[in-house]
Amino acid sequence: MSVLLQARPVRARASCAAGQKMSSGLGARLRSSAQAIASCGRIPGRFDWNSPDGRTICRYAHHNKNKDEVAMEFSNQQKLIITLLTDIHARLGIDNSVDPLFVQRMVQRGHGWALGWAYPGLFEDGIEPPEAVTFVAEVLTMWEAIEETYAGFDQARKDQLAELAPTFGRDPQFRGFDGSHEADLRGIVHILVDDLGRWPAFRGRDTDSHRILADGYRRMLEVYARIADSGPESRLSVEALAEILNAKIIPKSGMELDANVLRWA
């Protein structure tokens, strides 16, 4: 069994302190999405980020990564052994344990990081997430804030947003990633939302945008992070939301972009 979870580890102690208080203000909320998964811990005040039974989850943090945290990478030999063992586990129908088919699927597809989210109690050390996972988690956090803020606007503020952000300010929603060119990112969304139950607002949504959106999301995240550092406000203002949405527009580079291009940027 020790062969299974060697996974080329570099050991490090990662804090798993549950119950640590976090501010519910906008600044703290936005900054939390820019922090690394160097630790596992329940996120107080954000019940929808935690599994229904209150188990802890892993939080992202790409600025403060512990250089000694474990990377869950598996050799072909280890993948074969895990496949055989999880097949046996599933056949035996063992209750109150890990989901063997989920474990098998994550290992086979190279998503060992997801095991740390699903079963943090099994891993004494932190699990280093790929940069793509950190990026997708930040995008989901940002869009959750955008959609919640917009839903709380009265009609006057919605009309004002449509004027300030005419391209993307009407009913802004998370559209996902391109199924052809951003399939890996879209797959991570599926794991986080559907398999792990995080960001439930996006569960069941079609996340194939049919157009490349990652670059636009990166521009939005830059504005989003700056706003997070500017004050402790609990909600985005109309002006702040418009600035974030307008960042999605493709910058002009020597030629004018027509409205259709901007609409789908």
Protein backbone atom coordinates (compact mmCIF):
# COMPACT_ATOMS: atom_id res chain seq x y z
CA MET A 1 0.00 0.00 0.00
CA SER A 2 2.89 2.36 0.64
CA VAL A 3 3.67 2.21 -3.07
CA LEU A 4 0.32 3.78 -3.83
CA LEU A 5 0.65 7.09 -2.13
CA GLN A 6 4.35 7.74 -2.55
CA ALA A 7 3.42 9.83 -5.57
CA ARG A 8 6.82 11.51 -5.69
CA PRO A 9 6.17 13.44 -2.47
CA VAL A 10 8.22 16.19 -0.98
CA ARG A 11 7.08 16.40 2.60
CA ALA A 12 5.92 19.48 4.39
CA ARG A 13 3.59 20.31 7.21
CA ALA A 14 0.58 22.29 6.06
CA SER A 15 -1.67 23.88 8.61
CA CYS A 16 -5.16 22.36 8.73
CA ALA A 17 -6.67 24.58 11.36
CA ALA A 18 -10.45 24.39 11.09
CA GLY A 19 -12.61 27.10 12.54
CA GLN A 20 -10.22 29.95 11.82
CA LYS A 21 -12.20 33.17 11.46
CA MET A 22 -12.29 34.98 8.13
CA SER A 23 -13.86 38.34 7.38
CA SER A 24 -17.00 38.24 5.27
CA GLY A 25 -16.14 41.62 3.71
CA LEU A 26 -15.48 41.94 -0.01
CA GLY A 27 -11.78 42.62 0.41
CA ALA A 28 -11.17 39.50 2.47
CA ARG A 29 -13.36 37.42 0.20
CA LEU A 30 -11.62 38.51 -2.96
CA ARG A 31 -8.14 38.16 -1.48
CA SER A 32 -8.91 34.62 -0.34
CA SER A 33 -9.21 33.55 -3.96
CA ALA A 34 -5.64 34.73 -4.60
CA GLN A 35 -4.14 32.66 -1.79
CA ALA A 36 -2.56 29.25 -2.17
CA ILE A 37 -3.72 25.80 -1.30
CA ALA A 38 -0.97 25.44 1.20
CA SER A 39 -3.46 24.57 3.89
CA CYS A 40 -6.63 22.62 4.44
CA GLY A 41 -9.31 24.17 6.54
CA ARG A 42 -12.98 24.88 6.79
CA ILE A 43 -13.89 28.34 5.53
CA PRO A 44 -16.01 29.97 8.24
CA GLY A 45 -18.81 32.19 6.98
CA ARG A 46 -18.87 30.44 3.60
CA PHE A 47 -21.00 27.36 4.20
CA ASP A 48 -21.40 26.77 0.47
CA TRP A 49 -17.63 26.30 0.10
CA ASN A 50 -17.70 23.43 2.57
CA SER A 51 -19.11 19.98 2.12
CA PRO A 52 -22.61 19.59 3.64
CA ASP A 53 -21.33 17.60 6.62
CA GLY A 54 -18.87 20.34 7.54
CA ARG A 55 -15.67 18.54 6.56
CA THR A 56 -12.72 20.74 5.81
CA ILE A 57 -11.62 21.62 2.29
CA CYS A 58 -8.34 22.70 0.77
CA ARG A 59 -7.94 26.41 0.11
CA TYR A 60 -5.96 27.88 -2.75
CA ALA A 61 -2.95 30.08 -2.31
CA HIS A 62 -0.55 30.59 -5.17
CA HIS A 63 1.32 33.49 -3.56
CA ASN A 64 2.40 31.60 -0.44
CA LYS A 65 2.97 28.06 -1.64
CA ASN A 66 4.88 25.88 0.76
CA LYS A 67 7.89 24.75 -1.22
CA ASP A 68 7.79 21.38 0.55
CA GLU A 69 4.14 20.52 -0.02
CA VAL A 70 3.30 17.23 -1.69
CA ALA A 71 2.61 16.99 -5.42
CA MET A 72 0.18 14.14 -6.15
CA GLU A 73 1.69 12.67 -9.28
CA PHE A 74 1.50 8.96 -10.05
CA SER A 75 3.67 6.70 -12.15
CA ASN A 76 2.08 4.23 -14.56
CA GLN A 77 2.83 1.44 -12.12
CA GLN A 78 1.08 3.27 -9.30
CA LYS A 79 -1.91 4.02 -11.52
CA LEU A 80 -2.25 0.32 -12.32
CA ILE A 81 -2.07 -0.68 -8.65
CA ILE A 82 -4.62 1.97 -7.66
CA THR A 83 -6.95 0.84 -10.45
CA LEU A 84 -6.80 -2.77 -9.27
CA LEU A 85 -7.34 -1.85 -5.61
CA THR A 86 -10.22 0.51 -6.31
CA ASP A 87 -11.88 -2.13 -8.48
CA ILE A 88 -11.67 -4.54 -5.55
CA HIS A 89 -12.93 -1.85 -3.16
CA ALA A 90 -15.92 -1.13 -5.38
CA ARG A 91 -16.70 -4.83 -5.76
CA LEU A 92 -16.70 -5.33 -1.99
CA GLY A 93 -19.15 -2.46 -1.52
CA ILE A 94 -17.39 -1.03 1.52
CA ASP A 95 -19.44 1.69 3.23
CA ASN A 96 -18.25 4.84 5.03
CA SER A 97 -15.03 5.02 3.07
CA VAL A 98 -13.64 6.78 0.03
CA ASP A 99 -15.46 6.65 -3.29
CA PRO A 100 -13.29 4.12 -5.15
CA LEU A 101 -14.48 5.07 -8.63
CA PHE A 102 -13.87 8.76 -7.96
CA VAL A 103 -10.36 8.00 -6.70
CA GLN A 104 -9.71 5.82 -9.73
CA ARG A 105 -10.94 8.47 -12.16
CA MET A 106 -8.93 11.29 -10.58
CA VAL A 107 -5.72 9.23 -10.54
CA GLN A 108 -6.12 7.96 -14.09
CA ARG A 109 -6.81 11.45 -15.46
CA GLY A 110 -3.99 13.14 -13.58
CA HIS A 111 -6.13 15.05 -11.09
CA GLY A 112 -4.53 13.82 -7.88
CA TRP A 113 -4.99 17.31 -6.41
CA ALA A 114 -8.73 16.61 -6.18
CA LEU A 115 -8.13 13.89 -3.60
CA GLY A 116 -6.91 16.56 -1.18
CA TRP A 117 -10.15 18.47 -1.65
CA ALA A 118 -12.32 15.38 -1.25
CA TYR A 119 -10.44 13.71 1.62
CA PRO A 120 -8.31 16.30 3.44
CA GLY A 121 -8.22 14.18 6.57
CA LEU A 122 -6.20 11.52 4.75
CA PHE A 123 -3.35 13.84 3.88
CA GLU A 124 -1.14 15.05 6.68
CA ASP A 125 0.78 17.25 4.26
CA GLY A 126 -0.57 19.77 1.81
CA ILE A 127 -1.17 18.83 -1.82
CA GLU A 128 0.21 21.21 -4.41
CA PRO A 129 -2.43 22.16 -6.99
CA PRO A 130 -1.57 22.76 -10.64
CA GLU A 131 -1.66 26.41 -11.66
CA ALA A 132 -4.68 25.69 -13.86
CA VAL A 133 -6.65 24.56 -10.81
CA THR A 134 -5.74 27.73 -8.91
CA PHE A 135 -6.80 29.82 -11.90
CA VAL A 136 -10.17 28.08 -12.27
CA ALA A 137 -10.88 28.40 -8.54
CA GLU A 138 -10.19 32.12 -8.72
CA VAL A 139 -12.44 32.47 -11.77
CA LEU A 140 -15.29 30.66 -10.01
CA THR A 141 -14.87 32.83 -6.92
CA MET A 142 -14.95 35.98 -9.03
CA TRP A 143 -18.01 34.97 -11.00
CA GLU A 144 -19.84 33.89 -7.87
CA ALA A 145 -19.32 37.42 -6.50
CA ILE A 146 -20.38 39.00 -9.80
CA GLU A 147 -23.59 37.00 -10.07
CA GLU A 148 -24.53 37.48 -6.41
CA THR A 149 -23.91 41.20 -6.66
CA TYR A 150 -25.96 41.56 -9.84
CA ALA A 151 -28.83 39.55 -8.35
CA GLY A 152 -28.92 42.03 -5.45
CA PHE A 153 -29.20 45.10 -7.68
CA ASP A 154 -32.51 46.86 -8.10
CA GLN A 155 -33.62 47.70 -11.62
CA ALA A 156 -32.13 51.19 -11.50
CA ARG A 157 -28.66 49.82 -10.72
CA LYS A 158 -29.02 47.11 -13.37
CA ASP A 159 -29.84 49.80 -15.92
CA GLN A 160 -26.86 51.84 -14.75
CA LEU A 161 -24.57 48.81 -15.15
CA ALA A 162 -25.89 48.24 -18.69
CA GLU A 163 -24.90 51.81 -19.52
CA LEU A 164 -21.44 51.60 -17.95
CA ALA A 165 -20.70 48.14 -19.38
CA PRO A 166 -22.83 47.92 -22.54
CA THR A 167 -21.07 44.84 -23.92
CA PHE A 168 -21.22 42.51 -20.92
CA GLY A 169 -23.30 44.37 -18.34
CA ARG A 170 -26.66 42.88 -19.17
CA ASP A 171 -27.34 39.80 -17.03
CA PRO A 172 -23.66 38.82 -16.54
CA GLN A 173 -23.23 35.08 -16.01
CA PHE A 174 -20.35 32.63 -15.87
CA ARG A 175 -20.24 30.95 -19.29
CA GLY A 176 -17.50 28.43 -18.59
CA PHE A 177 -14.65 27.65 -20.97
CA ASP A 178 -14.37 26.58 -24.58
CA GLY A 179 -15.02 22.85 -24.86
CA SER A 180 -12.59 22.44 -27.75
CA HIS A 181 -9.66 24.69 -26.89
CA GLU A 182 -10.01 24.97 -23.11
CA ALA A 183 -11.18 21.44 -22.36
CA ASP A 184 -8.74 21.02 -19.45
CA LEU A 185 -10.03 24.13 -17.72
CA ARG A 186 -13.62 23.12 -18.32
CA GLY A 187 -12.84 19.68 -16.89
CA ILE A 188 -11.50 21.28 -13.72
CA VAL A 189 -14.74 23.23 -13.37
CA HIS A 190 -16.65 19.94 -13.58
CA ILE A 191 -14.50 18.37 -10.86
CA LEU A 192 -14.75 21.34 -8.50
CA VAL A 193 -18.46 21.97 -8.97
CA ASP A 194 -20.03 18.61 -9.78
CA ASP A 195 -17.68 16.07 -8.20
CA LEU A 196 -16.58 18.04 -5.14
CA GLY A 197 -19.72 20.10 -4.61
CA ARG A 198 -18.01 23.48 -4.42
CA TRP A 199 -19.57 26.66 -5.87
CA PRO A 200 -23.03 25.06 -5.99
CA ALA A 201 -24.48 28.07 -7.81
CA PHE A 202 -22.86 26.70 -10.98
CA ARG A 203 -23.99 23.09 -10.55
CA GLY A 204 -25.83 21.74 -13.56
CA ARG A 205 -24.89 24.70 -15.74
CA ASP A 206 -23.63 24.20 -19.29
CA THR A 207 -19.99 25.29 -19.00
CA ASP A 208 -19.10 24.99 -22.69
CA SER A 209 -18.79 28.61 -23.76
CA HIS A 210 -18.03 27.65 -27.39
CA ARG A 211 -15.46 30.43 -27.43
CA ILE A 212 -12.08 30.99 -25.78
CA LEU A 213 -12.55 33.02 -22.60
CA ALA A 214 -9.51 32.35 -20.39
CA ASP A 215 -7.62 35.49 -21.47
CA GLY A 216 -10.67 37.64 -20.76
CA TYR A 217 -11.04 36.08 -17.34
CA ARG A 218 -7.39 36.85 -16.57
CA ARG A 219 -7.92 40.51 -17.39
CA MET A 220 -11.02 40.53 -15.19
CA LEU A 221 -9.13 38.90 -12.31
CA GLU A 222 -6.50 41.64 -12.38
CA VAL A 223 -9.18 44.27 -11.83
CA TYR A 224 -11.01 42.06 -9.33
CA ALA A 225 -7.89 41.62 -7.19
CA ARG A 226 -7.13 45.33 -7.24
CA ILE A 227 -10.64 46.15 -6.06
CA ALA A 228 -10.26 43.60 -3.27
CA ASP A 229 -7.24 45.49 -1.98
CA SER A 230 -8.92 48.88 -2.15
CA GLY A 231 -11.33 48.56 0.76
CA PRO A 232 -13.42 46.37 3.06
CA GLU A 233 -16.76 46.92 1.32
CA SER A 234 -19.04 43.90 1.58
CA ARG A 235 -20.42 44.24 -1.96
CA LEU A 236 -19.26 45.40 -5.35
CA SER A 237 -20.54 48.79 -6.42
CA VAL A 238 -22.08 49.31 -9.84
CA GLU A 239 -18.95 51.14 -10.97
CA ALA A 240 -16.63 48.41 -9.70
CA LEU A 241 -18.67 45.67 -11.33
CA ALA A 242 -18.68 47.59 -14.62
CA GLU A 243 -14.89 47.95 -14.48
CA ILE A 244 -14.47 44.20 -13.94
CA LEU A 245 -16.83 43.30 -16.78
CA ASN A 246 -15.28 45.81 -19.18
CA ALA A 247 -11.87 44.21 -18.61
CA LYS A 248 -13.20 41.19 -20.48
CA ILE A 249 -13.18 43.18 -23.73
CA ILE A 250 -10.27 42.34 -26.04
CA PRO A 251 -7.83 45.28 -26.09
CA LYS A 252 -7.61 46.98 -29.47
CA SER A 253 -4.35 46.35 -31.30
CA GLY A 254 -4.07 48.43 -34.43
CA MET A 255 -7.53 47.59 -35.75
CA GLU A 256 -11.06 48.32 -34.68
CA LEU A 257 -13.09 45.43 -33.30
CA ASP A 258 -16.73 45.33 -34.23
CA ALA A 259 -19.49 44.82 -31.67
CA ASN A 260 -19.87 41.13 -32.41
CA VAL A 261 -16.21 40.44 -31.68
CA LEU A 262 -16.40 42.36 -28.42
CA ARG A 263 -19.62 40.62 -27.42
CA TRP A 264 -17.99 37.22 -27.51
CA ALA A 265 -14.55 38.17 -26.20
